[in-house]
């Protein structure tokens, strides 16, 4: 009996041991397999959310990576010459450069004419371009009307002396009225007080009358010659005062919003190297040239030295302060035609293409309207942008692909 029990135990124990070992082995296998699947599923989920398993930092935290982000090793960055700029608030000054033409100040041009007809006896200013000062004699004219008016004035003065002896106040005062009427007629014909005084001293009329320059300036037109018969109102000279000149500058349509009346401008001339002249805008024309798409802006420049001459061409520079603006270097902006993009340095070798909107360009900077904030780092080197153009296209395409893929999943 005891031998039978021992035999049964001898046969059962190995079977139990073998069976238990086989049972444990699947259990261990089952416990390991879900863990692998879970890790793989977790990695897929992270990639869908824009997270990279490769971006785990030493401290074990995960770094968020935006769709389309590309990674470039430090060695590759050095090889292709990556340069970084900072998005920052800075004073921006836009400089508009153009060309202009000097012209006469229309408000300082005058026409010299006579109000009586006659013949030119003497011509003192006899060529175009001559400078005359105010009060300088221009010409003498013989006019029968002027001679008779002079005689009337002298007769009125004599009559005044006779009438002054009358005992009737009305008669005595009438002499004054006659003299004043004759004097007024001479004045209306531009006879000066000095000429009238000389007439009173002589006591007899003069055959010719002298006319004088109304103000200082250059003779830019002369239509009179010695011995010529002139009619009342005929233009004899045109004088231009060049103490102030105008400059007409052509401003492109897209630059017009920055131009204001009163803005200062500086001009330089190739014929006057090293010299700079300053003036200000006084008028902006309301229409554009349909061919050049430019509008004319008129500037006034003081010219007491006389160096600025009409029809001179000048290089014009207009400085427009834009104030404190958020700005990035010019090389950081990639203009695709449809939008502007900047490459943002996210650190650890990651670069993110980001759509931005820029405003005015001021020298080597663009004003940032949206898309970036102060303190961010952006790539500014043109050679990097050219080298990574294909990468950028891939990144932008990948961005759209990931978005569609995420929706599909």
Protein backbone atom coordinates (compact mmCIF):
# COMPACT_ATOMS: atom_id res chain seq x y z
CA UNK A 1 0.00 0.00 0.00
CA UNK A 2 2.73 2.37 0.95
CA UNK A 3 4.59 1.42 -2.18
CA UNK A 4 1.54 2.26 -4.30
CA UNK A 5 1.20 5.75 -2.76
CA UNK A 6 4.88 6.46 -3.28
CA UNK A 7 4.64 5.49 -6.93
CA UNK A 8 1.67 7.79 -7.52
CA UNK A 9 3.45 10.76 -5.91
CA UNK A 10 6.54 10.06 -7.99
CA UNK A 11 4.48 10.34 -11.15
CA UNK A 12 2.32 13.37 -10.16
CA UNK A 13 5.00 15.72 -8.71
CA UNK A 14 7.01 16.12 -11.95
CA UNK A 15 3.78 16.76 -13.86
CA UNK A 16 2.71 19.47 -11.39
CA UNK A 17 6.13 21.10 -11.52
CA UNK A 18 6.16 21.04 -15.34
CA UNK A 19 2.58 22.31 -15.52
CA UNK A 20 3.16 25.19 -13.11
CA UNK A 21 6.27 26.26 -15.02
CA UNK A 22 4.33 26.43 -18.27
CA UNK A 23 1.60 28.41 -16.60
CA UNK A 24 3.99 31.06 -15.32
CA UNK A 25 5.70 31.53 -18.66
CA UNK A 26 2.58 32.78 -20.55
CA UNK A 27 1.68 34.96 -17.64
CA UNK A 28 5.06 36.68 -17.81
CA UNK A 29 4.75 37.00 -21.55
CA UNK A 30 1.27 38.45 -21.27
CA UNK A 31 2.44 41.00 -18.75
CA UNK A 32 5.27 42.24 -21.02
CA UNK A 33 3.31 42.41 -24.30
CA UNK A 34 0.71 45.04 -23.20
CA UNK A 35 3.49 47.28 -21.94
CA UNK A 36 5.17 47.35 -25.36
CA UNK A 37 1.90 48.04 -27.12
CA UNK A 38 1.06 50.78 -24.64
CA UNK A 39 4.44 52.52 -25.18
CA UNK A 40 4.03 52.34 -28.95
CA UNK A 41 0.51 53.70 -28.78
CA UNK A 42 1.68 56.48 -26.49
CA UNK A 43 4.40 57.47 -28.96
CA UNK A 44 1.87 57.63 -31.81
CA UNK A 45 -0.41 59.80 -29.70
CA UNK A 46 2.45 62.15 -28.85
CA UNK A 47 3.43 62.48 -32.52
CA UNK A 48 -0.16 63.29 -33.41
CA UNK A 49 -0.14 66.06 -30.83
CA UNK A 50 3.09 67.59 -32.20
CA UNK A 51 5.37 66.06 -29.51
CA UNK A 52 8.60 64.29 -30.37
CA UNK A 53 9.99 61.40 -28.35
CA UNK A 54 13.41 62.58 -29.47
CA UNK A 55 12.84 65.89 -27.73
CA UNK A 56 13.06 64.46 -24.21
CA UNK A 57 15.47 66.61 -22.25
CA UNK A 58 17.91 65.36 -19.64
CA UNK A 59 15.60 66.20 -16.77
CA UNK A 60 12.97 64.00 -18.34
CA UNK A 61 10.49 66.72 -19.42
CA UNK A 62 8.86 66.74 -22.84
CA UNK A 63 9.39 69.74 -25.19
CA UNK A 64 6.47 70.86 -27.36
CA UNK A 65 7.28 71.02 -31.06
CA UNK A 66 4.92 72.86 -33.42
CA UNK A 67 3.86 71.21 -36.69
CA UNK A 68 6.40 71.83 -39.45
CA UNK A 69 9.32 72.29 -37.06
CA UNK A 70 12.68 71.18 -38.47
CA UNK A 71 15.84 70.21 -36.61
CA UNK A 72 19.35 71.20 -37.63
CA UNK A 73 22.42 70.07 -35.77
CA UNK A 74 24.90 72.68 -34.46
CA UNK A 75 27.51 71.43 -36.94
CA UNK A 76 25.11 71.91 -39.84
CA UNK A 77 24.12 75.35 -38.56
CA UNK A 78 27.75 76.42 -38.50
CA UNK A 79 28.35 74.97 -41.96
CA UNK A 80 25.48 76.85 -43.64
CA UNK A 81 26.04 80.06 -41.65
CA UNK A 82 22.95 80.40 -39.51
CA UNK A 83 22.66 83.88 -37.99
CA UNK A 84 20.14 84.84 -35.33
CA UNK A 85 18.39 88.15 -34.65
CA UNK A 86 16.15 89.29 -31.81
CA UNK A 87 12.55 90.51 -32.06
CA UNK A 88 12.60 93.77 -30.08
CA UNK A 89 11.00 97.16 -29.58
CA UNK A 90 13.10 99.84 -31.26
CA UNK A 91 12.71 103.34 -32.72
CA UNK A 92 12.09 103.04 -36.46
CA UNK A 93 12.90 105.80 -38.92
CA UNK A 94 11.82 105.47 -42.54
CA UNK A 95 13.96 107.29 -45.09
CA UNK A 96 12.37 108.12 -48.44
CA UNK A 97 14.86 108.86 -51.21
CA UNK A 98 13.91 110.36 -54.56
CA UNK A 99 14.92 113.06 -57.04
CA UNK A 100 13.60 116.57 -57.50
CA UNK A 101 13.78 119.65 -59.68
CA UNK A 102 14.33 123.25 -58.56
CA UNK A 103 11.85 125.84 -59.85
CA UNK A 104 10.80 129.44 -59.19
CA UNK A 105 8.57 130.31 -56.26
CA UNK A 106 5.39 131.33 -58.11
CA UNK A 107 4.44 133.70 -55.28
CA UNK A 108 7.66 135.64 -55.88
CA UNK A 109 7.19 136.30 -59.61
CA UNK A 110 5.91 139.68 -60.78
CA UNK A 111 5.12 141.21 -64.15
CA UNK A 112 6.11 144.82 -64.84
CA UNK A 113 3.70 146.67 -67.11
CA UNK A 114 2.62 150.29 -67.73
CA UNK A 115 -0.90 151.65 -67.43
CA UNK A 116 -0.47 154.26 -70.15
CA UNK A 117 0.46 153.93 -73.81
CA UNK A 118 3.56 155.49 -75.30
CA UNK A 119 7.02 155.00 -76.76
CA UNK A 120 10.13 153.63 -75.03
CA UNK A 121 12.83 156.31 -74.94
CA UNK A 122 15.50 154.71 -72.70
CA UNK A 123 15.94 151.10 -71.66
CA UNK A 124 18.13 150.68 -68.58
CA UNK A 125 17.48 146.94 -68.02
CA UNK A 126 18.12 145.55 -71.47
CA UNK A 127 18.80 141.78 -71.16
CA UNK A 128 17.25 138.67 -69.64
CA UNK A 129 18.87 137.30 -66.48
CA UNK A 130 19.94 140.69 -65.12
CA UNK A 131 19.46 141.22 -61.39
CA UNK A 132 17.61 144.40 -60.41
CA UNK A 133 17.00 145.87 -56.98
CA UNK A 134 13.77 147.37 -55.77
CA UNK A 135 13.53 151.02 -56.87
CA UNK A 136 16.11 150.66 -59.66
CA UNK A 137 15.07 152.43 -62.94
CA UNK A 138 13.89 150.08 -65.67
CA UNK A 139 12.95 152.38 -68.58
CA UNK A 140 11.64 155.80 -69.59
CA UNK A 141 8.51 156.27 -71.67
CA UNK A 142 7.13 159.16 -73.66
CA UNK A 143 3.35 159.36 -73.29
CA UNK A 144 1.23 162.33 -74.41
CA UNK A 145 -1.27 161.41 -71.69
CA UNK A 146 1.37 161.62 -69.01
CA UNK A 147 2.60 164.99 -70.30
CA UNK A 148 -0.91 166.46 -70.23
CA UNK A 149 -1.56 165.07 -66.75
CA UNK A 150 1.64 166.66 -65.47
CA UNK A 151 0.55 170.00 -66.89
CA UNK A 152 -2.87 169.61 -65.29
CA UNK A 153 -1.21 169.00 -61.95
CA UNK A 154 0.96 172.10 -62.26
CA UNK A 155 -2.05 174.22 -63.29
CA UNK A 156 -4.04 172.87 -60.31
CA UNK A 157 -1.23 173.96 -57.99
CA UNK A 158 -1.29 177.47 -59.46
CA UNK A 159 -5.07 177.60 -59.21
CA UNK A 160 -4.84 176.56 -55.60
CA UNK A 161 -2.66 179.54 -54.80
CA UNK A 162 -5.16 181.93 -56.43
CA UNK A 163 -8.22 180.34 -54.86
CA UNK A 164 -6.63 180.36 -51.44
CA UNK A 165 -6.94 184.20 -51.44
CA UNK A 166 -10.74 184.00 -51.78
CA UNK A 167 -12.81 185.09 -48.79
CA UNK A 168 -15.22 182.22 -49.43
CA UNK A 169 -14.13 179.02 -47.67
CA UNK A 170 -15.81 176.82 -50.30
CA UNK A 171 -13.78 178.45 -53.09
CA UNK A 172 -10.55 178.23 -51.10
CA UNK A 173 -11.00 174.51 -50.43
CA UNK A 174 -11.82 173.75 -54.07
CA UNK A 175 -8.20 174.46 -54.98
CA UNK A 176 -7.08 171.64 -52.71
CA UNK A 177 -9.55 169.31 -54.38
CA UNK A 178 -8.19 170.10 -57.85
CA UNK A 179 -4.59 169.44 -56.80
CA UNK A 180 -5.49 166.19 -55.06
CA UNK A 181 -7.44 164.92 -58.10
CA UNK A 182 -4.54 165.61 -60.47
CA UNK A 183 -2.05 164.02 -58.07
CA UNK A 184 -4.21 160.93 -57.70
CA UNK A 185 -4.30 160.50 -61.45
CA UNK A 186 -0.50 160.51 -61.62
CA UNK A 187 -0.31 157.95 -58.82
CA UNK A 188 -2.77 155.67 -60.59
CA UNK A 189 -0.37 155.62 -63.52
CA UNK A 190 2.44 154.42 -61.24
CA UNK A 191 4.22 157.76 -61.08
CA UNK A 192 6.19 157.70 -57.82
CA UNK A 193 6.12 160.31 -55.06
CA UNK A 194 9.72 161.10 -55.90
CA UNK A 195 8.82 161.89 -59.52
CA UNK A 196 5.94 164.10 -58.38
CA UNK A 197 8.24 165.97 -56.01
CA UNK A 198 10.72 166.57 -58.84
CA UNK A 199 7.86 167.80 -61.02
CA UNK A 200 6.86 170.32 -58.34
CA UNK A 201 10.47 171.53 -58.05
CA UNK A 202 10.89 171.94 -61.82
CA UNK A 203 7.54 173.68 -62.25
CA UNK A 204 7.17 172.30 -65.75
CA UNK A 205 6.21 168.97 -67.26
CA UNK A 206 8.77 166.43 -68.34
CA UNK A 207 8.62 164.83 -71.78
CA UNK A 208 9.37 161.30 -70.51
CA UNK A 209 8.56 159.49 -67.31
CA UNK A 210 10.82 156.91 -65.60
CA UNK A 211 9.45 153.62 -64.26
CA UNK A 212 11.19 151.66 -61.47
CA UNK A 213 11.44 148.02 -60.35
CA UNK A 214 8.64 147.14 -57.88
CA UNK A 215 10.91 144.66 -56.01
CA UNK A 216 14.28 142.93 -56.25
CA UNK A 217 14.74 139.93 -58.51
CA UNK A 218 16.09 138.47 -61.71
CA UNK A 219 14.68 139.31 -65.13
CA UNK A 220 13.39 135.98 -66.44
CA UNK A 221 11.44 137.49 -69.36
CA UNK A 222 11.89 140.74 -71.34
CA UNK A 223 9.37 141.82 -73.97
CA UNK A 224 10.36 145.46 -74.49
CA UNK A 225 12.92 147.15 -76.76
CA UNK A 226 14.12 150.70 -77.18
CA UNK A 227 11.86 152.79 -79.44
CA UNK A 228 9.02 150.30 -79.16
CA UNK A 229 5.44 151.51 -78.93
CA UNK A 230 3.64 149.94 -75.96
CA UNK A 231 -0.02 149.75 -75.18
CA UNK A 232 -1.55 150.16 -71.71
CA UNK A 233 -1.29 146.89 -69.75
CA UNK A 234 1.40 145.32 -71.94
CA UNK A 235 3.82 143.06 -70.00
CA UNK A 236 7.32 144.49 -70.30
CA UNK A 237 9.33 142.40 -67.82
CA UNK A 238 8.85 139.38 -65.62
CA UNK A 239 10.92 139.42 -62.43
CA UNK A 240 11.59 136.48 -60.11
CA UNK A 241 12.81 136.70 -56.53
CA UNK A 242 15.09 133.70 -55.88
CA UNK A 243 15.57 134.24 -52.14
CA UNK A 244 13.19 131.26 -51.79
CA UNK A 245 12.85 128.50 -54.40
CA UNK A 246 10.53 125.56 -54.84
CA UNK A 247 11.51 121.94 -55.41
CA UNK A 248 9.21 119.37 -57.02
CA UNK A 249 9.86 115.79 -55.86
CA UNK A 250 8.28 112.61 -57.27
CA UNK A 251 6.97 110.34 -54.49
CA UNK A 252 5.81 106.80 -55.24
CA UNK A 253 2.21 105.88 -54.50
CA UNK A 254 3.09 103.43 -51.68
CA UNK A 255 5.22 106.09 -49.93
CA UNK A 256 2.61 108.87 -50.01
CA UNK A 257 0.98 107.88 -46.67
CA UNK A 258 4.22 108.87 -44.91
CA UNK A 259 4.35 112.38 -46.39
CA UNK A 260 2.83 115.32 -44.49
CA UNK A 261 2.81 119.06 -45.11
CA UNK A 262 5.51 120.61 -42.94
CA UNK A 263 7.89 117.63 -43.09
CA UNK A 264 11.53 118.50 -43.56
CA UNK A 265 13.64 117.28 -46.45
CA UNK A 266 17.32 117.56 -47.26
CA UNK A 267 18.72 117.88 -50.76
CA UNK A 268 22.15 117.45 -52.27
CA UNK A 269 23.60 118.22 -55.69
CA UNK A 270 26.36 116.54 -57.65
CA UNK A 271 27.55 120.02 -58.63
CA UNK A 272 27.84 121.05 -54.95
CA UNK A 273 29.54 118.08 -53.28
CA UNK A 274 29.43 118.04 -49.49
CA UNK A 275 26.73 120.72 -49.23
CA UNK A 276 23.27 119.94 -47.83
CA UNK A 277 20.20 122.19 -47.96
CA UNK A 278 17.10 121.87 -45.79
CA UNK A 279 13.51 122.78 -46.66
CA UNK A 280 9.97 121.69 -45.86
CA UNK A 281 6.94 120.30 -47.70
CA UNK A 282 4.31 122.94 -48.48
CA UNK A 283 1.93 121.14 -50.85
CA UNK A 284 1.03 117.59 -51.93
CA UNK A 285 -0.55 117.36 -55.36
CA UNK A 286 -3.93 115.59 -55.44
CA UNK A 287 -3.29 113.40 -58.52
CA UNK A 288 -0.77 110.81 -59.71
CA UNK A 289 1.16 110.47 -62.94
CA UNK A 290 -0.48 107.42 -64.59
CA UNK A 291 2.82 106.40 -66.22
CA UNK A 292 5.23 106.57 -63.26
CA UNK A 293 2.62 106.08 -60.48
CA UNK A 294 4.13 109.00 -58.58
CA UNK A 295 2.69 112.18 -57.10
CA UNK A 296 4.46 115.50 -56.95
CA UNK A 297 5.25 117.07 -53.61
CA UNK A 298 6.32 120.72 -53.45
CA UNK A 299 9.04 121.83 -51.04
CA UNK A 300 10.23 125.36 -50.22
CA UNK A 301 13.95 126.03 -49.68
CA UNK A 302 15.54 129.29 -48.51
CA UNK A 303 18.10 130.49 -51.05
CA UNK A 304 19.63 133.69 -49.70
CA UNK A 305 23.05 132.53 -50.89
CA UNK A 306 21.75 132.10 -54.46
CA UNK A 307 23.27 128.64 -54.99
CA UNK A 308 19.96 126.97 -55.84
CA UNK A 309 19.03 127.71 -59.43
CA UNK A 310 15.85 126.78 -61.31
CA UNK A 311 16.01 123.55 -63.32
CA UNK A 312 18.77 122.04 -61.16
CA UNK A 313 18.25 118.36 -60.31
CA UNK A 314 18.66 117.30 -56.69
CA UNK A 315 18.82 114.10 -54.66
CA UNK A 316 16.05 114.34 -52.06
CA UNK A 317 15.96 112.57 -48.70
CA UNK A 318 12.91 112.69 -46.41
CA UNK A 319 13.26 111.27 -42.89
CA UNK A 320 10.01 110.03 -41.31
CA UNK A 321 10.13 108.98 -37.62
CA UNK A 322 7.73 106.06 -37.02
CA UNK A 323 8.17 105.86 -33.23
CA UNK A 324 8.81 102.78 -31.07
CA UNK A 325 7.76 99.63 -32.95
CA UNK A 326 8.19 95.87 -32.58
CA UNK A 327 10.70 95.07 -35.32
CA UNK A 328 12.83 92.32 -36.85
CA UNK A 329 15.82 92.53 -39.22
CA UNK A 330 15.01 92.65 -42.92
CA UNK A 331 16.75 89.32 -43.62
CA UNK A 332 14.38 87.49 -41.25
CA UNK A 333 11.35 87.93 -43.51
CA UNK A 334 10.61 85.44 -46.28
CA UNK A 335 7.98 86.81 -48.65
CA UNK A 336 6.31 83.98 -50.55
CA UNK A 337 4.09 86.34 -52.49
CA UNK A 338 0.97 85.24 -50.62
CA UNK A 339 2.26 85.63 -47.09
CA UNK A 340 5.33 86.46 -45.01
CA UNK A 341 7.14 83.78 -42.99
CA UNK A 342 9.86 83.95 -40.33
CA UNK A 343 12.00 81.06 -39.06
CA UNK A 344 11.86 81.10 -35.24
CA UNK A 345 14.70 79.56 -33.24
CA UNK A 346 13.01 77.37 -30.62
CA UNK A 347 16.30 76.22 -29.07
CA UNK A 348 17.97 72.79 -28.95
CA UNK A 349 18.44 72.92 -32.73
CA UNK A 350 14.72 73.25 -33.55
CA UNK A 351 13.49 75.89 -36.02
CA UNK A 352 9.83 76.68 -36.54
CA UNK A 353 8.45 78.39 -39.70
CA UNK A 354 5.81 80.87 -38.57
CA UNK A 355 3.46 83.03 -40.63
CA UNK A 356 3.74 86.72 -39.69
CA UNK A 357 2.43 90.07 -40.88
CA UNK A 358 4.81 92.97 -41.34
CA UNK A 359 4.20 96.70 -41.77
CA UNK A 360 6.51 99.50 -42.84
CA UNK A 361 10.10 98.84 -43.84
CA UNK A 362 12.52 101.25 -42.16
CA UNK A 363 16.08 100.96 -43.44
CA UNK A 364 17.12 97.37 -42.50
CA UNK A 365 14.11 96.52 -40.32
CA UNK A 366 10.47 95.57 -40.74
CA UNK A 367 7.72 96.54 -38.35
CA UNK A 368 6.02 93.41 -36.95
CA UNK A 369 2.23 93.61 -36.77
CA UNK A 370 1.35 90.03 -35.81
CA UNK A 371 3.00 86.62 -35.44
CA UNK A 372 5.97 87.41 -33.19
CA UNK A 373 6.57 88.83 -29.74
CA UNK A 374 9.46 90.69 -28.13
CA UNK A 375 12.40 88.53 -27.09
CA UNK A 376 11.91 85.74 -29.64
CA UNK A 377 14.87 84.72 -31.78
CA UNK A 378 14.60 84.56 -35.57
CA UNK A 379 16.97 83.44 -38.33
CA UNK A 380 18.31 86.37 -40.34
CA UNK A 381 20.97 84.86 -42.63
CA UNK A 382 19.96 84.79 -46.28
CA UNK A 383 22.24 81.87 -47.12
CA UNK A 384 20.47 79.74 -44.53
CA UNK A 385 17.09 80.64 -45.98
CA UNK A 386 18.21 79.77 -49.49
CA UNK A 387 19.80 76.50 -48.38
CA UNK A 388 16.76 75.45 -46.40
CA UNK A 389 14.17 76.52 -48.96
CA UNK A 390 13.31 72.92 -49.72
CA UNK A 391 13.17 72.15 -46.02
CA UNK A 392 10.86 75.09 -45.51
CA UNK A 393 8.54 73.88 -48.25
CA UNK A 394 8.58 70.42 -46.77
CA UNK A 395 7.86 71.83 -43.33
CA UNK A 396 4.99 73.96 -44.56
CA UNK A 397 3.63 71.03 -46.52
CA UNK A 398 4.11 68.73 -43.56
CA UNK A 399 2.25 71.21 -41.38
CA UNK A 400 -0.78 70.95 -43.63
CA UNK A 401 -0.37 67.18 -43.92
CA UNK A 402 -0.25 66.68 -40.18
CA UNK A 403 -3.34 68.79 -39.75
CA UNK A 404 -5.26 66.71 -42.30
CA UNK A 405 -3.79 63.48 -40.91
CA UNK A 406 -4.82 64.42 -37.41
CA UNK A 407 -8.36 65.03 -38.58
CA UNK A 408 -8.38 61.70 -40.40
CA UNK A 409 -7.22 59.81 -37.33
